[in-house]
Amino acid sequence: MEIVNNFFEVHGLDWANLVGVTTDGGPAMLGSRSGFQTLVKRRAPMVTRVHCFIHREALASKTLFDQHNTVFKGLVKVVNYIKSSALNTRLFKRFCQDMGSDFDVLLFYTSVWWLSAGNVLRVFQLREELDLFLQAQGKEEFQNVPMQSNLEFAYLVDIFGILNKLNLQLQGKGANLFSHQSIIKAFLDKLELWIVRVEGNNFIQFPYVDAMLRKKEAIQTQILNHLWKLRDEFQRYFPEVDRTKDGLSFIRNPFTTNVNSVPEDLQEEFLDLKNDFAI
């Protein structure tokens, strides 16, 4: 912060003229007292603050309950056991080919590569092959890991697939604050919809869980708890997606916005735009 302040002084910049600050990365999110945006806010109280949407989405998505986390960590250990050895990798590949499997290679998971959590889908599709391979290897500590907790395993596949899709939507050229807010707001609305569906034993948005037939009812409470927690985390990391509070609704949809919600210096121009039906 001292470096930024010195830059302002050297170039004759006034903090009062600062209207927005955008940050990225973990160090900029140190907290409500020591974070960079908080320090800027002290200098320029009226500044609009924005942090990287993809980073916040990844942090909010890491919400897993103990039972799901235990299943996921067990699967990661199995994959790491095979992938850490070139011999085991070749043997497993040949094993899958001999069984006529659709896939014959496992994919690594790393916590710093957010999309890699979706690789659990590959493990789910090879769970029978993995179980048989580990039995042949005599790895008792890993035996039955790919086959146990099938319901939790199936839910992880479904939810990671959904979160991966959301993450990819936030990437690419041409993205802006409004498009990102729309994507996050739509996801929050979907979470509300999924909660209502699951409460009514409708798991259509979770195809791998839905394929478990009657067994899926046994995981209903776990899924609901996770969806509620996921919703709360996204609301905590994205408080600005409430379109009624950010003061920018007139930009998104000027034709339905009340003129009193628009800054005074823009009100007359706004009314010209609102009543220009030739646009």
Protein backbone atom coordinates (compact mmCIF):
# COMPACT_ATOMS: atom_id res chain seq x y z
CA MET A 1 0.00 0.00 0.00
CA GLU A 2 2.91 2.33 0.74
CA ILE A 3 4.23 1.80 -2.79
CA VAL A 4 0.87 2.71 -4.31
CA ASN A 5 0.58 5.78 -2.10
CA ASN A 6 4.07 6.95 -3.10
CA PHE A 7 3.13 6.49 -6.77
CA PHE A 8 0.09 8.72 -6.27
CA GLU A 9 2.20 11.40 -4.61
CA VAL A 10 4.95 11.36 -7.23
CA HIS A 11 2.47 11.70 -10.10
CA GLY A 12 0.18 14.17 -8.35
CA LEU A 13 -2.81 11.85 -8.23
CA ASP A 14 -5.68 12.48 -5.81
CA TRP A 15 -7.18 9.53 -3.96
CA ALA A 16 -10.55 11.32 -4.09
CA ASN A 17 -10.63 10.80 -7.86
CA LEU A 18 -10.30 7.02 -7.58
CA VAL A 19 -13.64 5.41 -8.51
CA GLY A 20 -12.77 1.73 -8.70
CA VAL A 21 -10.16 -0.87 -7.72
CA THR A 22 -9.87 -4.42 -9.04
CA THR A 23 -7.66 -7.05 -7.40
CA ASP A 24 -6.69 -10.66 -8.04
CA GLY A 25 -4.97 -13.43 -6.08
CA GLY A 26 -4.96 -14.59 -2.48
CA PRO A 27 -2.74 -11.87 -0.92
CA ALA A 28 -5.31 -9.24 -1.89
CA MET A 29 -7.96 -11.09 0.16
CA LEU A 30 -6.18 -11.13 3.50
CA GLY A 31 -9.21 -9.95 5.40
CA SER A 32 -11.45 -7.06 6.37
CA ARG A 33 -8.61 -5.23 8.14
CA SER A 34 -5.40 -5.94 6.25
CA GLY A 35 -6.64 -6.62 2.70
CA PHE A 36 -5.47 -4.25 -0.04
CA GLN A 37 -9.00 -3.22 -0.95
CA THR A 38 -9.72 -2.33 2.68
CA LEU A 39 -6.63 -0.12 2.80
CA VAL A 40 -7.70 1.59 -0.43
CA LYS A 41 -11.19 2.08 1.00
CA ARG A 42 -9.70 4.09 3.86
CA ARG A 43 -8.12 6.47 1.37
CA ALA A 44 -11.07 6.61 -1.02
CA PRO A 45 -14.31 5.76 0.87
CA MET A 46 -16.50 6.00 -2.28
CA VAL A 47 -14.41 3.55 -4.33
CA THR A 48 -16.10 0.54 -5.97
CA ARG A 49 -14.25 -2.68 -5.15
CA VAL A 50 -14.11 -5.80 -7.32
CA HIS A 51 -12.07 -8.98 -6.83
CA CYS A 52 -11.39 -11.66 -9.45
CA PHE A 53 -14.63 -13.59 -10.00
CA ILE A 54 -12.89 -16.85 -10.93
CA HIS A 55 -10.77 -16.80 -7.77
CA ARG A 56 -13.79 -16.19 -5.57
CA GLU A 57 -15.80 -18.87 -7.37
CA ALA A 58 -13.02 -21.39 -6.79
CA LEU A 59 -12.86 -20.57 -3.07
CA ALA A 60 -16.63 -20.79 -2.66
CA SER A 61 -16.69 -24.11 -4.54
CA LYS A 62 -14.30 -25.77 -2.10
CA THR A 63 -17.14 -26.31 0.35
CA LEU A 64 -17.28 -30.02 1.19
CA PHE A 65 -18.62 -31.73 4.28
CA ASP A 66 -16.47 -34.23 6.18
CA GLN A 67 -18.07 -37.32 4.64
CA HIS A 68 -17.69 -36.05 1.08
CA ASN A 69 -14.17 -34.81 1.82
CA THR A 70 -13.17 -38.21 3.21
CA VAL A 71 -14.40 -39.96 0.07
CA PHE A 72 -12.65 -37.46 -2.18
CA LYS A 73 -9.32 -37.65 -0.32
CA GLY A 74 -9.45 -41.46 -0.44
CA LEU A 75 -9.91 -41.35 -4.21
CA VAL A 76 -7.04 -38.88 -4.60
CA LYS A 77 -4.74 -41.22 -2.66
CA VAL A 78 -5.66 -44.11 -4.95
CA VAL A 79 -4.98 -42.07 -8.08
CA ASN A 80 -1.69 -40.76 -6.68
CA TYR A 81 -0.58 -44.31 -5.82
CA ILE A 82 -0.99 -45.39 -9.43
CA LYS A 83 0.19 -42.18 -11.12
CA SER A 84 3.28 -41.78 -8.92
CA SER A 85 4.77 -44.96 -10.40
CA ALA A 86 5.53 -45.29 -14.09
CA LEU A 87 5.26 -49.08 -13.75
CA ASN A 88 1.84 -48.93 -12.08
CA THR A 89 0.65 -46.45 -14.71
CA ARG A 90 1.64 -48.82 -17.53
CA LEU A 91 0.19 -51.85 -15.76
CA PHE A 92 -3.12 -50.13 -15.08
CA LYS A 93 -3.31 -48.93 -18.69
CA ARG A 94 -2.79 -52.49 -19.95
CA PHE A 95 -5.25 -53.81 -17.34
CA CYS A 96 -7.98 -51.45 -18.59
CA GLN A 97 -7.26 -52.27 -22.22
CA ASP A 98 -7.56 -56.00 -21.53
CA MET A 99 -10.92 -55.37 -19.84
CA GLY A 100 -12.15 -53.34 -22.80
CA SER A 101 -12.69 -50.19 -20.71
CA ASP A 102 -13.66 -46.88 -22.29
CA PHE A 103 -10.67 -45.20 -20.58
CA ASP A 104 -7.25 -46.50 -19.61
CA VAL A 105 -5.57 -43.44 -18.04
CA LEU A 106 -6.25 -41.69 -14.73
CA LEU A 107 -5.89 -37.94 -14.36
CA PHE A 108 -4.11 -36.17 -11.51
CA TYR A 109 -5.85 -33.86 -9.08
CA THR A 110 -4.08 -30.80 -7.70
CA SER A 111 -5.71 -28.24 -5.43
CA VAL A 112 -4.13 -25.29 -7.25
CA TRP A 113 -5.63 -26.43 -10.55
CA TRP A 114 -9.27 -25.77 -9.77
CA LEU A 115 -10.80 -27.59 -12.73
CA SER A 116 -8.90 -30.79 -11.95
CA ALA A 117 -11.46 -31.72 -9.29
CA GLY A 118 -13.69 -32.71 -12.20
CA ASN A 119 -11.25 -35.52 -12.97
CA VAL A 120 -13.07 -37.56 -10.34
CA LEU A 121 -15.51 -38.42 -13.16
CA ARG A 122 -12.79 -40.50 -14.83
CA VAL A 123 -12.19 -42.34 -11.54
CA PHE A 124 -15.92 -43.03 -11.19
CA GLN A 125 -16.08 -44.58 -14.64
CA LEU A 126 -13.06 -46.76 -13.86
CA ARG A 127 -14.02 -47.66 -10.28
CA GLU A 128 -14.50 -51.38 -10.98
CA GLU A 129 -11.21 -51.60 -12.86
CA LEU A 130 -9.47 -49.73 -10.04
CA ASP A 131 -10.87 -52.04 -7.39
CA LEU A 132 -9.78 -55.17 -9.26
CA PHE A 133 -6.34 -53.71 -10.00
CA LEU A 134 -5.74 -52.81 -6.36
CA GLN A 135 -6.79 -56.30 -5.29
CA ALA A 136 -4.27 -57.77 -7.74
CA GLN A 137 -1.63 -55.41 -6.34
CA GLY A 138 -2.39 -56.55 -2.79
CA LYS A 139 -2.91 -52.97 -1.60
CA GLU A 140 -5.23 -53.69 1.30
CA GLU A 141 -5.29 -50.07 2.48
CA PHE A 142 -6.79 -49.02 -0.85
CA GLN A 143 -9.08 -51.96 -1.50
CA ASN A 144 -12.78 -51.13 -1.77
CA VAL A 145 -12.05 -47.37 -1.74
CA PRO A 146 -13.27 -46.91 -5.35
CA MET A 147 -16.40 -48.99 -4.66
CA GLN A 148 -17.42 -47.78 -1.22
CA SER A 149 -19.72 -44.80 -0.66
CA ASN A 150 -21.05 -45.01 -4.21
CA LEU A 151 -23.74 -42.45 -3.45
CA GLU A 152 -21.27 -39.85 -2.15
CA PHE A 153 -18.95 -40.70 -5.05
CA ALA A 154 -21.74 -40.16 -7.59
CA TYR A 155 -22.69 -36.83 -6.02
CA LEU A 156 -19.07 -35.63 -6.19
CA VAL A 157 -19.03 -36.43 -9.90
CA ASP A 158 -22.26 -34.51 -10.45
CA ILE A 159 -21.43 -31.43 -8.38
CA PHE A 160 -17.83 -31.12 -9.63
CA GLY A 161 -19.12 -31.30 -13.19
CA ILE A 162 -21.53 -28.44 -12.46
CA LEU A 163 -18.84 -26.33 -10.76
CA ASN A 164 -16.39 -26.96 -13.59
CA LYS A 165 -18.96 -25.72 -16.09
CA LEU A 166 -19.52 -22.60 -13.98
CA ASN A 167 -15.77 -21.94 -13.78
CA LEU A 168 -15.40 -22.21 -17.56
CA GLN A 169 -18.31 -19.80 -18.09
CA LEU A 170 -16.35 -17.15 -16.18
CA GLN A 171 -13.32 -17.51 -18.47
CA GLY A 172 -12.58 -16.24 -21.95
CA LYS A 173 -12.38 -12.97 -23.84
CA GLY A 174 -15.07 -10.32 -23.79
CA ALA A 175 -16.10 -10.98 -20.19
CA ASN A 176 -17.03 -8.04 -18.00
CA LEU A 177 -18.44 -7.22 -14.59
CA PHE A 178 -22.05 -7.40 -15.77
CA SER A 179 -21.73 -10.74 -17.56
CA HIS A 180 -19.97 -12.27 -14.56
CA GLN A 181 -22.58 -10.98 -12.15
CA SER A 182 -25.30 -12.43 -14.38
CA ILE A 183 -23.59 -15.84 -14.43
CA ILE A 184 -23.18 -15.94 -10.64
CA LYS A 185 -26.73 -14.70 -10.05
CA ALA A 186 -28.08 -17.39 -12.39
CA PHE A 187 -26.07 -20.03 -10.50
CA LEU A 188 -27.48 -18.85 -7.16
CA ASP A 189 -30.99 -19.08 -8.60
CA LYS A 190 -30.21 -22.59 -9.86
CA LEU A 191 -29.06 -23.59 -6.37
CA GLU A 192 -32.41 -22.45 -4.99
CA LEU A 193 -34.18 -24.48 -7.70
CA TRP A 194 -32.09 -27.58 -7.00
CA ILE A 195 -32.80 -27.32 -3.27
CA VAL A 196 -36.55 -27.32 -3.94
CA ARG A 197 -36.19 -30.26 -6.34
CA VAL A 198 -34.09 -32.37 -3.97
CA GLU A 199 -36.54 -31.67 -1.15
CA GLY A 200 -39.14 -33.28 -3.42
CA ASN A 201 -36.84 -36.25 -4.17
CA ASN A 202 -36.14 -34.96 -7.68
CA PHE A 203 -32.46 -35.45 -8.59
CA ILE A 204 -32.70 -34.79 -12.31
CA GLN A 205 -29.87 -32.21 -12.22
CA PHE A 206 -27.58 -34.85 -10.64
CA PRO A 207 -27.65 -37.66 -13.26
CA TYR A 208 -25.15 -39.99 -11.59
CA VAL A 209 -27.04 -39.83 -8.29
CA ASP A 210 -30.36 -40.12 -10.12
CA ALA A 211 -29.14 -43.35 -11.75
CA MET A 212 -28.92 -44.96 -8.29
CA LEU A 213 -32.72 -45.38 -8.34
CA ARG A 214 -34.18 -45.76 -4.87
CA LYS A 215 -30.80 -45.58 -3.16
CA LYS A 216 -30.57 -41.87 -3.90
CA GLU A 217 -33.03 -41.08 -1.09
CA ALA A 218 -30.36 -42.15 1.41
CA ILE A 219 -28.18 -39.17 0.43
CA GLN A 220 -30.96 -36.59 0.21
CA THR A 221 -30.07 -34.86 3.50
CA GLN A 222 -26.35 -34.75 2.64
CA ILE A 223 -27.04 -33.15 -0.73
CA LEU A 224 -29.41 -30.60 0.77
CA ASN A 225 -26.89 -29.65 3.46
CA HIS A 226 -24.17 -29.21 0.86
CA LEU A 227 -26.37 -27.15 -1.47
CA TRP A 228 -27.37 -24.88 1.42
CA LYS A 229 -23.73 -24.45 2.41
CA LEU A 230 -22.71 -23.84 -1.20
CA ARG A 231 -25.41 -21.19 -1.54
CA ASP A 232 -24.28 -19.46 1.65
CA GLU A 233 -20.64 -19.45 0.52
CA PHE A 234 -21.47 -17.98 -2.88
CA GLN A 235 -23.60 -15.30 -1.27
CA ARG A 236 -20.73 -14.50 1.09
CA TYR A 237 -18.13 -14.26 -1.69
CA PHE A 238 -20.43 -12.46 -4.15
CA PRO A 239 -22.50 -9.94 -2.17
CA GLU A 240 -22.62 -7.59 -5.16
CA VAL A 241 -24.71 -9.88 -7.39
CA ASP A 242 -27.90 -8.57 -5.78
CA ARG A 243 -28.97 -6.29 -8.61
CA THR A 244 -31.08 -4.12 -6.33
CA LYS A 245 -28.10 -3.04 -4.24
CA ASP A 246 -25.21 -2.30 -6.58
CA GLY A 247 -26.67 0.88 -8.08
CA LEU A 248 -25.96 -0.27 -11.62
CA SER A 249 -29.35 -1.72 -12.55
CA PHE A 250 -30.00 1.22 -14.90
CA ILE A 251 -27.08 0.03 -17.05
CA ARG A 252 -28.37 -3.53 -17.31
CA ASN A 253 -31.98 -2.65 -18.01
CA PRO A 254 -32.71 1.08 -18.30
CA PHE A 255 -36.32 0.56 -19.42
CA THR A 256 -37.47 -0.89 -16.09
CA THR A 257 -35.36 1.25 -13.76
CA ASN A 258 -36.82 4.11 -11.71
CA VAL A 259 -35.13 7.44 -12.42
CA ASN A 260 -34.71 8.09 -8.68
CA SER A 261 -32.23 5.20 -8.47
CA VAL A 262 -29.94 6.87 -11.01
CA PRO A 263 -27.26 9.41 -9.98
CA GLU A 264 -28.57 12.98 -10.32
CA ASP A 265 -25.98 14.02 -12.90
CA LEU A 266 -27.17 11.21 -15.19
CA GLN A 267 -30.93 11.40 -14.65
CA GLU A 268 -31.85 13.61 -17.63
CA GLU A 269 -29.67 11.65 -20.05
CA PHE A 270 -31.11 8.45 -18.56
CA LEU A 271 -34.69 9.61 -19.27
CA ASP A 272 -33.73 10.32 -22.88
CA LEU A 273 -32.42 6.78 -23.18
CA LYS A 274 -35.36 5.22 -21.35
CA ASN A 275 -37.87 6.81 -23.69
CA ASP A 276 -35.93 6.19 -26.90
CA PHE A 277 -37.96 3.28 -28.26
CA ALA A 278 -36.15 3.42 -31.58
CA ILE A 279 -33.08 1.71 -30.07
